[in-house]
Amino acid sequence: MTFSSEAEKYQYVNQMFAQIAHRYDLMNRIMTAGQDQHWRKLLIEAAQLPPEGRFLDVATGTGDIAFEAFRQNHQLSHVIGADYTLPMMHVGQNRWPTYVSQTLSSNGREIKNRLSWSGADALHLPFPDNSFDAVGSGFLMRNVVNVRHALAEQVRVCKPGGRILILEIPRPPDTLFGNLFRLYFHNIVPLVGGIISGQRDAYTYLPASADAFLSPTELRAEMEAVSLREVNYRLLMMNTVALHVGVK
């Protein structure tokens, strides 16, 4: 799938996620056999957030990474979930009270008001420099119109010594399993996604965006280009998902 301009991609991605917001979480669980929850757990573990720290979840969607931050770190002072697709955040806002009562029951009342939501563009984050102890994103970078600009914004709002964490589906490797995954991604996922969400085009875009995205080593180079240190990545689910970490 190609776009004639950055503006066209920006508009398409925003509208697409708005249309699938009501089934986004369900499709994630189905597509990954529930592994997406484990990957978000690994991201927060790698963030090494300090007690009473501040965390930013860019492209928070329905809030899974932000929720996981509090599940692992009850003492965090503030977590912000930022996304420009407002219907996705509305789903997360509606989920949050139930998540608090069911998962964070012992600390729920205190934690509930420490999560904020921000309608924000990943290329123009509305936060001061050096605001957060870590900045994370899940499945964002394939969808931005300028990867380096998005990375630079994350670095800007992260405190010195803080971590940038990126969970993403890279371009599938040219291996036997990579080719099988590509077959699954391009054929089964759009079919199931169309049935569940009613938006087959959205789940046709998903594998196309992965094919067009950077390899893990290329994304590491982009992170190093914005002055991140100690950049490394971990491949998950037989090399079909990557978790990148860099230090400001």
Foldseek 3Di string as FASTA:
>chain_A
DDDPDLVRLVVVVLVLCLLQLVCVVVLVCVVVVNCVLVVLLVQLVVQPADFQFEEEEEQCQLNSNVLSNCLVHVRHQAYEYEEQNVNRPVNNVVCLVVCLCPRVVVSSVVCSVRYYYYNDDLLDGPAAFQAGLEYEYEAPQLRHSDNLSSLLSRNRNHHAFGKYKYKHFAAQDPDPVSVVVLVCQQPVSLVVSCVRSVCSVSSNVVSVSRNVHHQPVVVQVSNVVSPWPPWDWDAPDVRRMIMIMTGD
